[in-house]
Every structure is written in C-alpha cells, then in structure tokens.
Amino acid sequence: MAVTAQMVKELREKTGAGMMDCKKALTETNGDMEKAIDFLREKGMAKAAKKADRIAAEGTAFIKSEGNEAVILEVNSETDFVAKNEGFQQLVKELAEQLLAKKPATLEEALEQKMSSGDTVAEYINKAIAKIGEKITLRRFEVVTKGDNDSFGEYLHMGGRIAVLTVLEGTTDAQAAKDVAMHAAALNPKYISRDAVSEEEVAHEREVLTQQALNEGKPEKIVAKMVEGRLGKFFEEICLVDQAFVKNPDQTVGEYVASKGGKVKELVRYGVGEGIEKRQDNFAEEVMNQVKK
C-alpha cells in the first residue's frame, strides 16, 4: 500500500513521533495505522498512542435532569455559528425534554416518537432545518437513572463542547459528583475502573510493553516485572478511579469519592463531533471558483 503524506501527518499527530519515523512505520506495516502506532511504541518512538478521534463536526452537547432521571445528548450542526443560534439551542432543550419524558431505547426509536406538536422527532428536526438553513442531526443520547441515595454530576464545558454526566452511588453530595464530572471533562478517561477493560485490550497492551522493554535492551528476566509496573501506569491513564484527582493530585478520583462515602457508578462523556470527519474546505480555492463563474 502506498504511504501518503496525509497518512504520515495523521500518524505524527497521533503519536508525536518524527516524520521519517512515521513514514518508516507505515511502510513496515503496509499502511495499517493501528499497527504503525504499535510499531512506534515498541521502538520507543511514541510516548503514547493518542487514538482519540478528531473533533470535527459542530453542534452542542446538553444535559437535563429531573429527580432521579437525567439525559445527556449531542445535536450536530454544520457550523459553530448555528450551534450558538437561539433557535438551535431551543431545539436542543426541547429534544432533551422529549428524550427524558419518552425514554426511547434507540436513536431510531427516538426519531419515530411523537412530540407534543404532533410531529415525530425526525419531522420536528426537519422543520428546524428548513427554518435555520443548515443540516441538523440528533447524533446520540443516553438516559441515566439513579437511586434516592445517589447523586448526579452534571458539567458542560465551553457551553456544551464537552458534556459529562456522572452518577455517584451511596452519596447525595452533588458537588462531589460535579467535581468528578469536571475531572472527566479534562482527562477524558476511557473506563470507570480496571474491571471494565477487556482482557483483549490488556493482553494487547502487555504485548506492546513487553516488546518495548525488549527493544530497550532490558534483560528478559526482569521484563515481566517491568511490564506489570508499566501496565499499572496504563490503567492510571485510562481508568477514572485510578487517575490522580485534578483538584488534589495527592489522591485518586476513587479515593476522593470514597472520602464522600460513595463510589462511581456511571460516567457518560460526550465531546462534540468526536469521531466525525469534517470536510476540509479550501477557502482560497472556493473563492477563486466563485470569481471564475
């Protein structure tokens, strides 16, 4: 497979490795991005595999709660200008109310349900599109419930560019729950705890770390012990309760929550547009094309 400049650029952004190292890694792995990341890590050329998807699409994420129920949702638009539009913001709030009231199980089910206006959700969104003049989509949502002795943590960063909803079980300390949500907004943990990490992912990481240690010239007899130590660091990076708490790095998030008499039960974090590739427009070319007409 031919290695393109765009592929090299993408790998460099994900790993922080040098351009020539990225090109070599892609050549060695026949253009496989994931294998190229592992190749660089094994050679010690990449500090970490930054696999977070690019945030490209515009829109907003929002949270609404009532009693023991809450909903977090993401609604996308084509431009940030429209995302800040009063009509768009009102639509997002109305969709949140609808989802919280009807609690659909899937996105497809949500779009087919009737709103108080008599329109289905899909029809209601289409009317908003006609009025606002941009494509708008309800991308995802999750309805979350808690017990009477639990607490919701709700946090919107930058007006909804990132939204985090947490549930702390065993404590009604809403501020603590919000603190955890703010932490998750900043550090973006992949899992709540180590129990949630699949055996396959742990095995893959152990294999990468083992090869990395061997490539560093470490004696085989101490490699296994080294790998387990590095694996602990891996868990600290991706698991919420193992991360150093941003408000007090001397304790982990798990220790902070435990000091409040609770434990983290749920975590939902939405970054607007994550995983959506946005069309890359060449503005100068667009202007020239208009001039030629």
C-alpha atoms as a PDB file:
ATOM      1  CA  MET A   1       0.000   0.000   0.000  1.00  0.00           C
ATOM      2  CA  ALA A   2       1.332   3.430  -0.961  1.00  0.00           C
ATOM      3  CA  VAL A   3       2.090   5.640   2.046  1.00  0.00           C
ATOM      4  CA  THR A   4       0.703   9.147   1.537  1.00  0.00           C
ATOM      5  CA  ALA A   5       1.711  12.426   3.143  1.00  0.00           C
ATOM      6  CA  GLN A   6      -1.728  12.602   4.799  1.00  0.00           C
ATOM      7  CA  MET A   7      -1.177   9.205   6.431  1.00  0.00           C
ATOM      8  CA  VAL A   8       2.222  10.320   7.736  1.00  0.00           C
ATOM      9  CA  LYS A   9       0.676  13.547   9.081  1.00  0.00           C
ATOM     10  CA  GLU A  10      -2.125  11.626  10.830  1.00  0.00           C
ATOM     11  CA  LEU A  11       0.301   9.165  12.453  1.00  0.00           C
ATOM     12  CA  ARG A  12       2.543  12.018  13.572  1.00  0.00           C
ATOM     13  CA  GLU A  13      -0.423  13.796  15.194  1.00  0.00           C
ATOM     14  CA  LYS A  14      -1.476  10.618  16.976  1.00  0.00           C
ATOM     15  CA  THR A  15       1.953   9.656  18.305  1.00  0.00           C
ATOM     16  CA  GLY A  16       4.189  12.722  18.347  1.00  0.00           C
ATOM     17  CA  ALA A  17       6.904  10.719  16.555  1.00  0.00           C
ATOM     18  CA  GLY A  18       9.179  12.210  13.869  1.00  0.00           C
ATOM     19  CA  MET A  19       8.050  12.436  10.264  1.00  0.00           C
ATOM     20  CA  MET A  20      10.608   9.947   8.905  1.00  0.00           C
ATOM     21  CA  ASP A  21       9.903   7.527  11.757  1.00  0.00           C
ATOM     22  CA  CYS A  22       6.184   7.726  10.951  1.00  0.00           C
ATOM     23  CA  LYS A  23       6.860   7.082   7.263  1.00  0.00           C
ATOM     24  CA  LYS A  24       9.033   4.081   8.103  1.00  0.00           C
ATOM     25  CA  ALA A  25       6.411   2.696  10.500  1.00  0.00           C
ATOM     26  CA  LEU A  26       3.680   2.946   7.869  1.00  0.00           C
ATOM     27  CA  THR A  27       5.936   1.368   5.252  1.00  0.00           C
ATOM     28  CA  GLU A  28       6.825  -1.507   7.592  1.00  0.00           C
ATOM     29  CA  THR A  29       3.161  -2.139   8.433  1.00  0.00           C
ATOM     30  CA  ASN A  30       1.846  -1.737   4.885  1.00  0.00           C
ATOM     31  CA  GLY A  31      -0.124   1.390   5.782  1.00  0.00           C
ATOM     32  CA  ASP A  32      -2.004  -0.094   8.759  1.00  0.00           C
ATOM     33  CA  MET A  33      -2.432   2.866  11.140  1.00  0.00           C
ATOM     34  CA  GLU A  34      -3.019   0.842  14.316  1.00  0.00           C
ATOM     35  CA  LYS A  35      -0.064  -1.464  13.625  1.00  0.00           C
ATOM     36  CA  ALA A  36       2.103   1.557  12.819  1.00  0.00           C
ATOM     37  CA  ILE A  37       1.240   3.071  16.207  1.00  0.00           C
ATOM     38  CA  ASP A  38       2.262  -0.180  17.908  1.00  0.00           C
ATOM     39  CA  PHE A  39       5.464  -0.273  15.824  1.00  0.00           C
ATOM     40  CA  LEU A  40       6.464   3.203  17.023  1.00  0.00           C
ATOM     41  CA  ARG A  41       5.613   2.432  20.626  1.00  0.00           C
ATOM     42  CA  GLU A  42       7.591  -0.801  20.571  1.00  0.00           C
ATOM     43  CA  LYS A  43      10.585   1.113  19.245  1.00  0.00           C
ATOM     44  CA  GLY A  44      10.165   3.721  21.962  1.00  0.00           C
ATOM     45  CA  MET A  45       9.453   6.447  19.403  1.00  0.00           C
ATOM     46  CA  ALA A  46       5.976   7.267  20.658  1.00  0.00           C
ATOM     47  CA  LYS A  47       5.189   8.113  24.270  1.00  0.00           C
ATOM     48  CA  ALA A  48       1.571   7.023  23.930  1.00  0.00           C
ATOM     49  CA  ALA A  49      -0.922   6.016  21.301  1.00  0.00           C
ATOM     50  CA  LYS A  50      -3.132   9.048  21.001  1.00  0.00           C
ATOM     51  CA  LYS A  51      -6.072   7.345  19.389  1.00  0.00           C
ATOM     52  CA  ALA A  52      -8.684   9.959  20.290  1.00  0.00           C
ATOM     53  CA  ASP A  53     -10.777  10.766  17.267  1.00  0.00           C
ATOM     54  CA  ARG A  54     -10.600  14.214  15.811  1.00  0.00           C
ATOM     55  CA  ILE A  55     -13.353  16.564  16.916  1.00  0.00           C
ATOM     56  CA  ALA A  56     -14.646  17.925  13.632  1.00  0.00           C
ATOM     57  CA  ALA A  57     -18.414  18.448  13.450  1.00  0.00           C
ATOM     58  CA  GLU A  58     -20.082  21.408  15.124  1.00  0.00           C
ATOM     59  CA  GLY A  59     -23.071  21.474  17.440  1.00  0.00           C
ATOM     60  CA  THR A  60     -23.591  21.103  21.159  1.00  0.00           C
ATOM     61  CA  ALA A  61     -23.969  18.547  23.922  1.00  0.00           C
ATOM     62  CA  PHE A  62     -26.531  19.100  26.674  1.00  0.00           C
ATOM     63  CA  ILE A  63     -27.738  17.562  29.938  1.00  0.00           C
ATOM     64  CA  LYS A  64     -31.160  17.725  31.560  1.00  0.00           C
ATOM     65  CA  SER A  65     -32.148  16.088  34.837  1.00  0.00           C
ATOM     66  CA  GLU A  66     -35.397  15.732  36.777  1.00  0.00           C
ATOM     67  CA  GLY A  67     -35.446  13.886  40.084  1.00  0.00           C
ATOM     68  CA  ASN A  68     -33.756  10.533  39.669  1.00  0.00           C
ATOM     69  CA  GLU A  69     -33.557  10.683  35.885  1.00  0.00           C
ATOM     70  CA  ALA A  70     -31.231  12.528  33.536  1.00  0.00           C
ATOM     71  CA  VAL A  71     -30.445  12.601  29.842  1.00  0.00           C
ATOM     72  CA  ILE A  72     -27.265  13.591  28.019  1.00  0.00           C
ATOM     73  CA  LEU A  73     -27.435  14.221  24.275  1.00  0.00           C
ATOM     74  CA  GLU A  74     -25.460  15.547  21.325  1.00  0.00           C
ATOM     75  CA  VAL A  75     -27.019  17.503  18.469  1.00  0.00           C
ATOM     76  CA  ASN A  76     -24.851  18.414  15.480  1.00  0.00           C
ATOM     77  CA  SER A  77     -24.953  21.339  13.082  1.00  0.00           C
ATOM     78  CA  GLU A  78     -22.736  22.266  10.155  1.00  0.00           C
ATOM     79  CA  THR A  79     -21.271  25.442  11.691  1.00  0.00           C
ATOM     80  CA  ASP A  80     -20.411  26.773  15.107  1.00  0.00           C
ATOM     81  CA  PHE A  81     -22.386  29.911  14.227  1.00  0.00           C
ATOM     82  CA  VAL A  82     -25.618  27.916  14.028  1.00  0.00           C
ATOM     83  CA  ALA A  83     -24.726  25.963  17.182  1.00  0.00           C
ATOM     84  CA  LYS A  84     -24.850  29.271  19.070  1.00  0.00           C
ATOM     85  CA  ASN A  85     -28.126  30.274  17.418  1.00  0.00           C
ATOM     86  CA  GLU A  86     -31.018  30.779  19.843  1.00  0.00           C
ATOM     87  CA  GLY A  87     -33.327  28.635  17.714  1.00  0.00           C
ATOM     88  CA  PHE A  88     -30.827  25.774  17.680  1.00  0.00           C
ATOM     89  CA  GLN A  89     -30.310  25.991  21.441  1.00  0.00           C
ATOM     90  CA  GLN A  90     -34.078  25.893  21.977  1.00  0.00           C
ATOM     91  CA  LEU A  91     -34.352  22.825  19.741  1.00  0.00           C
ATOM     92  CA  VAL A  92     -31.707  21.039  21.808  1.00  0.00           C
ATOM     93  CA  LYS A  93     -33.615  21.753  25.038  1.00  0.00           C
ATOM     94  CA  GLU A  94     -36.883  20.526  23.510  1.00  0.00           C
ATOM     95  CA  LEU A  95     -35.196  17.327  22.337  1.00  0.00           C
ATOM     96  CA  ALA A  96     -33.788  16.807  25.841  1.00  0.00           C
ATOM     97  CA  GLU A  97     -37.268  17.165  27.349  1.00  0.00           C
ATOM     98  CA  GLN A  98     -38.669  14.706  24.796  1.00  0.00           C
ATOM     99  CA  LEU A  99     -35.983  12.099  25.419  1.00  0.00           C
ATOM    100  CA  LEU A 100     -36.297  12.378  29.176  1.00  0.00           C
ATOM    101  CA  ALA A 101     -40.083  12.029  29.017  1.00  0.00           C
ATOM    102  CA  LYS A 102     -40.282   9.166  26.489  1.00  0.00           C
ATOM    103  CA  LYS A 103     -37.008   7.328  27.266  1.00  0.00           C
ATOM    104  CA  PRO A 104     -36.558   5.639  23.866  1.00  0.00           C
ATOM    105  CA  ALA A 105     -34.190   2.688  23.786  1.00  0.00           C
ATOM    106  CA  THR A 106     -32.507   3.571  20.492  1.00  0.00           C
ATOM    107  CA  LEU A 107     -31.891   6.560  18.245  1.00  0.00           C
ATOM    108  CA  GLU A 108     -34.187   5.081  15.598  1.00  0.00           C
ATOM    109  CA  GLU A 109     -36.969   4.742  18.148  1.00  0.00           C
ATOM    110  CA  ALA A 110     -36.394   8.302  19.353  1.00  0.00           C
ATOM    111  CA  LEU A 111     -36.734   9.762  15.845  1.00  0.00           C
ATOM    112  CA  GLU A 112     -40.046   7.946  15.300  1.00  0.00           C
ATOM    113  CA  GLN A 113     -41.704   9.046  18.559  1.00  0.00           C
ATOM    114  CA  LYS A 114     -44.317  11.802  18.514  1.00  0.00           C
ATOM    115  CA  MET A 115     -43.743  15.158  20.169  1.00  0.00           C
ATOM    116  CA  SER A 116     -46.434  17.330  21.742  1.00  0.00           C
ATOM    117  CA  SER A 117     -46.730  19.212  18.439  1.00  0.00           C
ATOM    118  CA  GLY A 118     -47.896  16.033  16.734  1.00  0.00           C
ATOM    119  CA  ASP A 119     -44.730  15.761  14.647  1.00  0.00           C
ATOM    120  CA  THR A 120     -42.324  12.899  15.029  1.00  0.00           C
ATOM    121  CA  VAL A 121     -38.920  13.901  16.339  1.00  0.00           C
ATOM    122  CA  ALA A 122     -37.481  13.440  12.842  1.00  0.00           C
ATOM    123  CA  GLU A 123     -40.158  15.705  11.339  1.00  0.00           C
ATOM    124  CA  TYR A 124     -39.602  18.308  14.050  1.00  0.00           C
ATOM    125  CA  ILE A 125     -35.870  18.379  13.332  1.00  0.00           C
ATOM    126  CA  ASN A 126     -36.566  18.683   9.590  1.00  0.00           C
ATOM    127  CA  LYS A 127     -38.740  21.730  10.231  1.00  0.00           C
ATOM    128  CA  ALA A 128     -35.912  23.269  12.237  1.00  0.00           C
ATOM    129  CA  ILE A 129     -33.549  22.575   9.334  1.00  0.00           C
ATOM    130  CA  ALA A 130     -35.879  24.402   6.953  1.00  0.00           C
ATOM    131  CA  LYS A 131     -36.047  27.372   9.313  1.00  0.00           C
ATOM    132  CA  ILE A 132     -32.374  27.547  10.342  1.00  0.00           C
ATOM    133  CA  GLY A 133     -30.963  26.630   6.948  1.00  0.00           C
ATOM    134  CA  GLU A 134     -28.408  24.012   7.979  1.00  0.00           C
ATOM    135  CA  LYS A 135     -28.321  20.263   8.359  1.00  0.00           C
ATOM    136  CA  ILE A 136     -29.065  19.309  11.965  1.00  0.00           C
ATOM    137  CA  THR A 137     -28.871  15.808  13.427  1.00  0.00           C
ATOM    138  CA  LEU A 138     -29.644  14.214  16.757  1.00  0.00           C
ATOM    139  CA  ARG A 139     -26.498  12.110  16.923  1.00  0.00           C
ATOM    140  CA  ARG A 140     -26.697  10.269  20.241  1.00  0.00           C
ATOM    141  CA  PHE A 141     -28.160  10.293  23.722  1.00  0.00           C
ATOM    142  CA  GLU A 142     -28.277   8.288  26.926  1.00  0.00           C
ATOM    143  CA  VAL A 143     -30.916   8.267  29.634  1.00  0.00           C
ATOM    144  CA  VAL A 144     -29.466   7.611  33.091  1.00  0.00           C
ATOM    145  CA  THR A 145     -31.236   6.810  36.367  1.00  0.00           C
ATOM    146  CA  LYS A 146     -30.062   6.930  39.966  1.00  0.00           C
ATOM    147  CA  GLY A 147     -31.286   5.923  43.402  1.00  0.00           C
ATOM    148  CA  ASP A 148     -32.504   8.250  46.159  1.00  0.00           C
ATOM    149  CA  ASN A 149     -29.159   7.937  47.946  1.00  0.00           C
ATOM    150  CA  ASP A 150     -27.110   8.637  44.818  1.00  0.00           C
ATOM    151  CA  SER A 151     -26.145  11.891  43.105  1.00  0.00           C
ATOM    152  CA  PHE A 152     -25.879  13.201  39.569  1.00  0.00           C
ATOM    153  CA  GLY A 153     -22.828  15.171  38.487  1.00  0.00           C
ATOM    154  CA  GLU A 154     -23.521  17.445  35.514  1.00  0.00           C
ATOM    155  CA  TYR A 155     -20.908  19.528  33.735  1.00  0.00           C
ATOM    156  CA  LEU A 156     -20.911  21.424  30.434  1.00  0.00           C
ATOM    157  CA  HIS A 157     -17.558  22.731  29.236  1.00  0.00           C
ATOM    158  CA  MET A 158     -17.335  25.686  26.836  1.00  0.00           C
ATOM    159  CA  GLY A 159     -21.085  25.953  26.527  1.00  0.00           C
ATOM    160  CA  GLY A 160     -21.514  22.308  25.583  1.00  0.00           C
ATOM    161  CA  ARG A 161     -18.414  21.461  23.547  1.00  0.00           C
ATOM    162  CA  ILE A 162     -17.927  18.723  26.145  1.00  0.00           C
ATOM    163  CA  ALA A 163     -20.680  17.338  28.360  1.00  0.00           C
ATOM    164  CA  VAL A 164     -20.175  14.903  31.229  1.00  0.00           C
ATOM    165  CA  LEU A 165     -22.789  13.139  33.324  1.00  0.00           C
ATOM    166  CA  THR A 166     -21.739  11.061  36.336  1.00  0.00           C
ATOM    167  CA  VAL A 167     -23.579   9.068  38.984  1.00  0.00           C
ATOM    168  CA  LEU A 168     -22.044   8.617  42.427  1.00  0.00           C
ATOM    169  CA  GLU A 169     -23.606   5.739  44.316  1.00  0.00           C
ATOM    170  CA  GLY A 170     -24.040   5.938  48.068  1.00  0.00           C
ATOM    171  CA  THR A 171     -23.711   9.702  48.484  1.00  0.00           C
ATOM    172  CA  THR A 172     -26.013  12.653  47.860  1.00  0.00           C
ATOM    173  CA  ASP A 173     -23.077  15.044  47.572  1.00  0.00           C
ATOM    174  CA  ALA A 174     -23.936  16.708  44.242  1.00  0.00           C
ATOM    175  CA  GLN A 175     -20.833  18.910  44.363  1.00  0.00           C
ATOM    176  CA  ALA A 176     -18.572  15.866  44.622  1.00  0.00           C
ATOM    177  CA  ALA A 177     -20.383  14.302  41.658  1.00  0.00           C
ATOM    178  CA  LYS A 178     -19.879  17.509  39.672  1.00  0.00           C
ATOM    179  CA  ASP A 179     -16.193  17.608  40.646  1.00  0.00           C
ATOM    180  CA  VAL A 180     -15.799  14.112  39.192  1.00  0.00           C
ATOM    181  CA  ALA A 181     -17.629  15.207  36.028  1.00  0.00           C
ATOM    182  CA  MET A 182     -15.280  18.193  35.662  1.00  0.00           C
ATOM    183  CA  HIS A 183     -12.296  15.896  36.138  1.00  0.00           C
ATOM    184  CA  ALA A 184     -13.593  13.546  33.428  1.00  0.00           C
ATOM    185  CA  ALA A 185     -14.105  16.505  31.081  1.00  0.00           C
ATOM    186  CA  ALA A 186     -10.437  17.412  31.486  1.00  0.00           C
ATOM    187  CA  LEU A 187      -8.744  13.979  31.475  1.00  0.00           C
ATOM    188  CA  ASN A 188     -11.182  12.000  29.303  1.00  0.00           C
ATOM    189  CA  PRO A 189     -10.927   8.568  30.972  1.00  0.00           C
ATOM    190  CA  LYS A 190     -11.885   5.653  28.760  1.00  0.00           C
ATOM    191  CA  TYR A 191     -13.282   3.485  31.557  1.00  0.00           C
ATOM    192  CA  ILE A 192     -14.539   3.886  35.126  1.00  0.00           C
ATOM    193  CA  SER A 193     -12.340   1.125  36.564  1.00  0.00           C
ATOM    194  CA  ARG A 194      -9.946  -1.659  35.596  1.00  0.00           C
ATOM    195  CA  ASP A 195     -12.786  -4.191  35.694  1.00  0.00           C
ATOM    196  CA  ALA A 196     -14.228  -2.582  32.567  1.00  0.00           C
ATOM    197  CA  VAL A 197     -11.064  -3.048  30.488  1.00  0.00           C
ATOM    198  CA  SER A 198     -11.354  -6.113  28.265  1.00  0.00           C
ATOM    199  CA  GLU A 199      -8.896  -8.989  28.552  1.00  0.00           C
ATOM    200  CA  GLU A 200      -8.061  -8.465  24.881  1.00  0.00           C
ATOM    201  CA  GLU A 201      -7.052  -4.834  25.424  1.00  0.00           C
ATOM    202  CA  VAL A 202      -4.931  -5.709  28.459  1.00  0.00           C
ATOM    203  CA  ALA A 203      -3.238  -8.556  26.558  1.00  0.00           C
ATOM    204  CA  HIS A 204      -2.521  -6.260  23.622  1.00  0.00           C
ATOM    205  CA  GLU A 205      -1.020  -3.588  25.867  1.00  0.00           C
ATOM    206  CA  ARG A 206       1.079  -6.175  27.720  1.00  0.00           C
ATOM    207  CA  GLU A 207       2.424  -7.445  24.386  1.00  0.00           C
ATOM    208  CA  VAL A 208       3.334  -3.920  23.227  1.00  0.00           C
ATOM    209  CA  LEU A 209       5.010  -3.083  26.546  1.00  0.00           C
ATOM    210  CA  THR A 210       6.936  -6.366  26.537  1.00  0.00           C
ATOM    211  CA  GLN A 211       8.300  -5.737  23.052  1.00  0.00           C
ATOM    212  CA  GLN A 212       9.098  -2.155  24.026  1.00  0.00           C
ATOM    213  CA  ALA A 213      11.136  -3.314  27.027  1.00  0.00           C
ATOM    214  CA  LEU A 214      12.993  -5.940  24.993  1.00  0.00           C
ATOM    215  CA  ASN A 215      13.822  -3.343  22.329  1.00  0.00           C
ATOM    216  CA  GLU A 216      15.264  -1.162  25.093  1.00  0.00           C
ATOM    217  CA  GLY A 217      17.713  -3.973  25.800  1.00  0.00           C
ATOM    218  CA  LYS A 218      16.290  -4.930  29.190  1.00  0.00           C
ATOM    219  CA  PRO A 219      17.197  -8.435  30.467  1.00  0.00           C
ATOM    220  CA  GLU A 220      14.410 -10.914  29.807  1.00  0.00           C
ATOM    221  CA  LYS A 221      14.316 -11.993  33.464  1.00  0.00           C
ATOM    222  CA  ILE A 222      13.177  -8.532  34.616  1.00  0.00           C
ATOM    223  CA  VAL A 223      10.986  -7.656  31.619  1.00  0.00           C
ATOM    224  CA  ALA A 224       7.849  -9.285  33.033  1.00  0.00           C
ATOM    225  CA  LYS A 225       8.103  -7.301  36.283  1.00  0.00           C
ATOM    226  CA  MET A 226       8.764  -4.085  34.369  1.00  0.00           C
ATOM    227  CA  VAL A 227       5.760  -4.700  32.133  1.00  0.00           C
ATOM    228  CA  GLU A 228       3.419  -5.144  35.098  1.00  0.00           C
ATOM    229  CA  GLY A 229       4.650  -1.839  36.518  1.00  0.00           C
ATOM    230  CA  ARG A 230       4.081  -0.071  33.223  1.00  0.00           C
ATOM    231  CA  LEU A 231       0.696  -1.742  32.905  1.00  0.00           C
ATOM    232  CA  GLY A 232      -0.248  -0.081  36.183  1.00  0.00           C
ATOM    233  CA  LYS A 233       0.599   3.283  34.626  1.00  0.00           C
ATOM    234  CA  PHE A 234      -1.551   2.342  31.638  1.00  0.00           C
ATOM    235  CA  PHE A 235      -4.550   1.751  33.917  1.00  0.00           C
ATOM    236  CA  GLU A 236      -3.909   5.059  35.680  1.00  0.00           C
ATOM    237  CA  GLU A 237      -4.178   6.838  32.345  1.00  0.00           C
ATOM    238  CA  ILE A 238      -7.414   5.266  31.101  1.00  0.00           C
ATOM    239  CA  CYS A 239      -9.400   4.403  34.264  1.00  0.00           C
ATOM    240  CA  LEU A 240     -11.254   7.210  36.038  1.00  0.00           C
ATOM    241  CA  VAL A 241     -10.942   5.913  39.611  1.00  0.00           C
ATOM    242  CA  ASP A 242      -7.189   5.322  39.194  1.00  0.00           C
ATOM    243  CA  GLN A 243      -6.439   8.806  37.853  1.00  0.00           C
ATOM    244  CA  ALA A 244      -4.914  11.478  40.094  1.00  0.00           C
ATOM    245  CA  PHE A 245      -7.762  13.821  41.010  1.00  0.00           C
ATOM    246  CA  VAL A 246      -7.321  17.184  39.279  1.00  0.00           C
ATOM    247  CA  LYS A 247      -8.344  19.154  42.368  1.00  0.00           C
ATOM    248  CA  ASN A 248      -5.957  17.205  44.600  1.00  0.00           C
ATOM    249  CA  PRO A 249      -3.310  15.139  42.766  1.00  0.00           C
ATOM    250  CA  ASP A 250      -2.292  13.532  46.082  1.00  0.00           C
ATOM    251  CA  GLN A 251      -5.369  11.303  45.925  1.00  0.00           C
ATOM    252  CA  THR A 252      -7.030   9.327  43.152  1.00  0.00           C
ATOM    253  CA  VAL A 253     -10.563  10.004  41.989  1.00  0.00           C
ATOM    254  CA  GLY A 254     -11.601   6.729  43.611  1.00  0.00           C
ATOM    255  CA  GLU A 255     -10.133   7.818  46.948  1.00  0.00           C
ATOM    256  CA  TYR A 256     -11.826  11.223  46.692  1.00  0.00           C
ATOM    257  CA  VAL A 257     -15.230   9.664  46.036  1.00  0.00           C
ATOM    258  CA  ALA A 258     -14.721   7.131  48.821  1.00  0.00           C
ATOM    259  CA  SER A 259     -13.980  10.014  51.225  1.00  0.00           C
ATOM    260  CA  LYS A 260     -17.502  11.228  50.447  1.00  0.00           C
ATOM    261  CA  GLY A 261     -18.938   7.816  51.265  1.00  0.00           C
ATOM    262  CA  GLY A 262     -19.636   6.784  47.687  1.00  0.00           C
ATOM    263  CA  LYS A 263     -18.285   5.159  44.544  1.00  0.00           C
ATOM    264  CA  VAL A 264     -18.512   5.987  40.850  1.00  0.00           C
ATOM    265  CA  LYS A 265     -21.391   4.076  39.309  1.00  0.00           C
ATOM    266  CA  GLU A 266     -21.761   5.674  35.871  1.00  0.00           C
ATOM    267  CA  LEU A 267     -19.890   8.012  33.556  1.00  0.00           C
ATOM    268  CA  VAL A 268     -21.007   9.390  30.188  1.00  0.00           C
ATOM    269  CA  ARG A 269     -18.768  11.869  28.375  1.00  0.00           C
ATOM    270  CA  TYR A 270     -19.595  13.454  25.012  1.00  0.00           C
ATOM    271  CA  GLY A 271     -17.139  15.581  23.045  1.00  0.00           C
ATOM    272  CA  VAL A 272     -18.980  17.336  20.228  1.00  0.00           C
ATOM    273  CA  GLY A 273     -18.137  15.842  16.855  1.00  0.00           C
ATOM    274  CA  GLU A 274     -15.675  13.221  18.122  1.00  0.00           C
ATOM    275  CA  GLY A 275     -15.291  10.521  15.516  1.00  0.00           C
ATOM    276  CA  ILE A 276     -16.874  12.563  12.729  1.00  0.00           C
ATOM    277  CA  GLU A 277     -14.600  13.563   9.881  1.00  0.00           C
ATOM    278  CA  LYS A 278     -15.366  17.096   8.757  1.00  0.00           C
ATOM    279  CA  ARG A 279     -14.983  18.116   5.135  1.00  0.00           C
ATOM    280  CA  GLN A 280     -11.774  20.054   4.668  1.00  0.00           C
ATOM    281  CA  ASP A 281     -12.666  23.094   2.578  1.00  0.00           C
ATOM    282  CA  ASN A 282     -10.028  25.053   0.687  1.00  0.00           C
ATOM    283  CA  PHE A 283     -11.291  28.593   1.204  1.00  0.00           C
ATOM    284  CA  ALA A 284      -8.944  30.202  -1.321  1.00  0.00           C
ATOM    285  CA  GLU A 285      -9.925  27.671  -3.963  1.00  0.00           C
ATOM    286  CA  GLU A 286     -13.596  28.216  -3.209  1.00  0.00           C
ATOM    287  CA  VAL A 287     -13.235  31.988  -3.683  1.00  0.00           C
ATOM    288  CA  MET A 288     -11.376  31.508  -6.960  1.00  0.00           C
ATOM    289  CA  ASN A 289     -14.094  29.199  -8.236  1.00  0.00           C
ATOM    290  CA  GLN A 290     -16.699  31.833  -7.415  1.00  0.00           C
ATOM    291  CA  VAL A 291     -14.666  34.531  -9.227  1.00  0.00           C
ATOM    292  CA  LYS A 292     -14.430  32.364 -12.350  1.00  0.00           C
ATOM    293  CA  LYS A 293     -18.195  31.964 -12.590  1.00  0.00           C
END
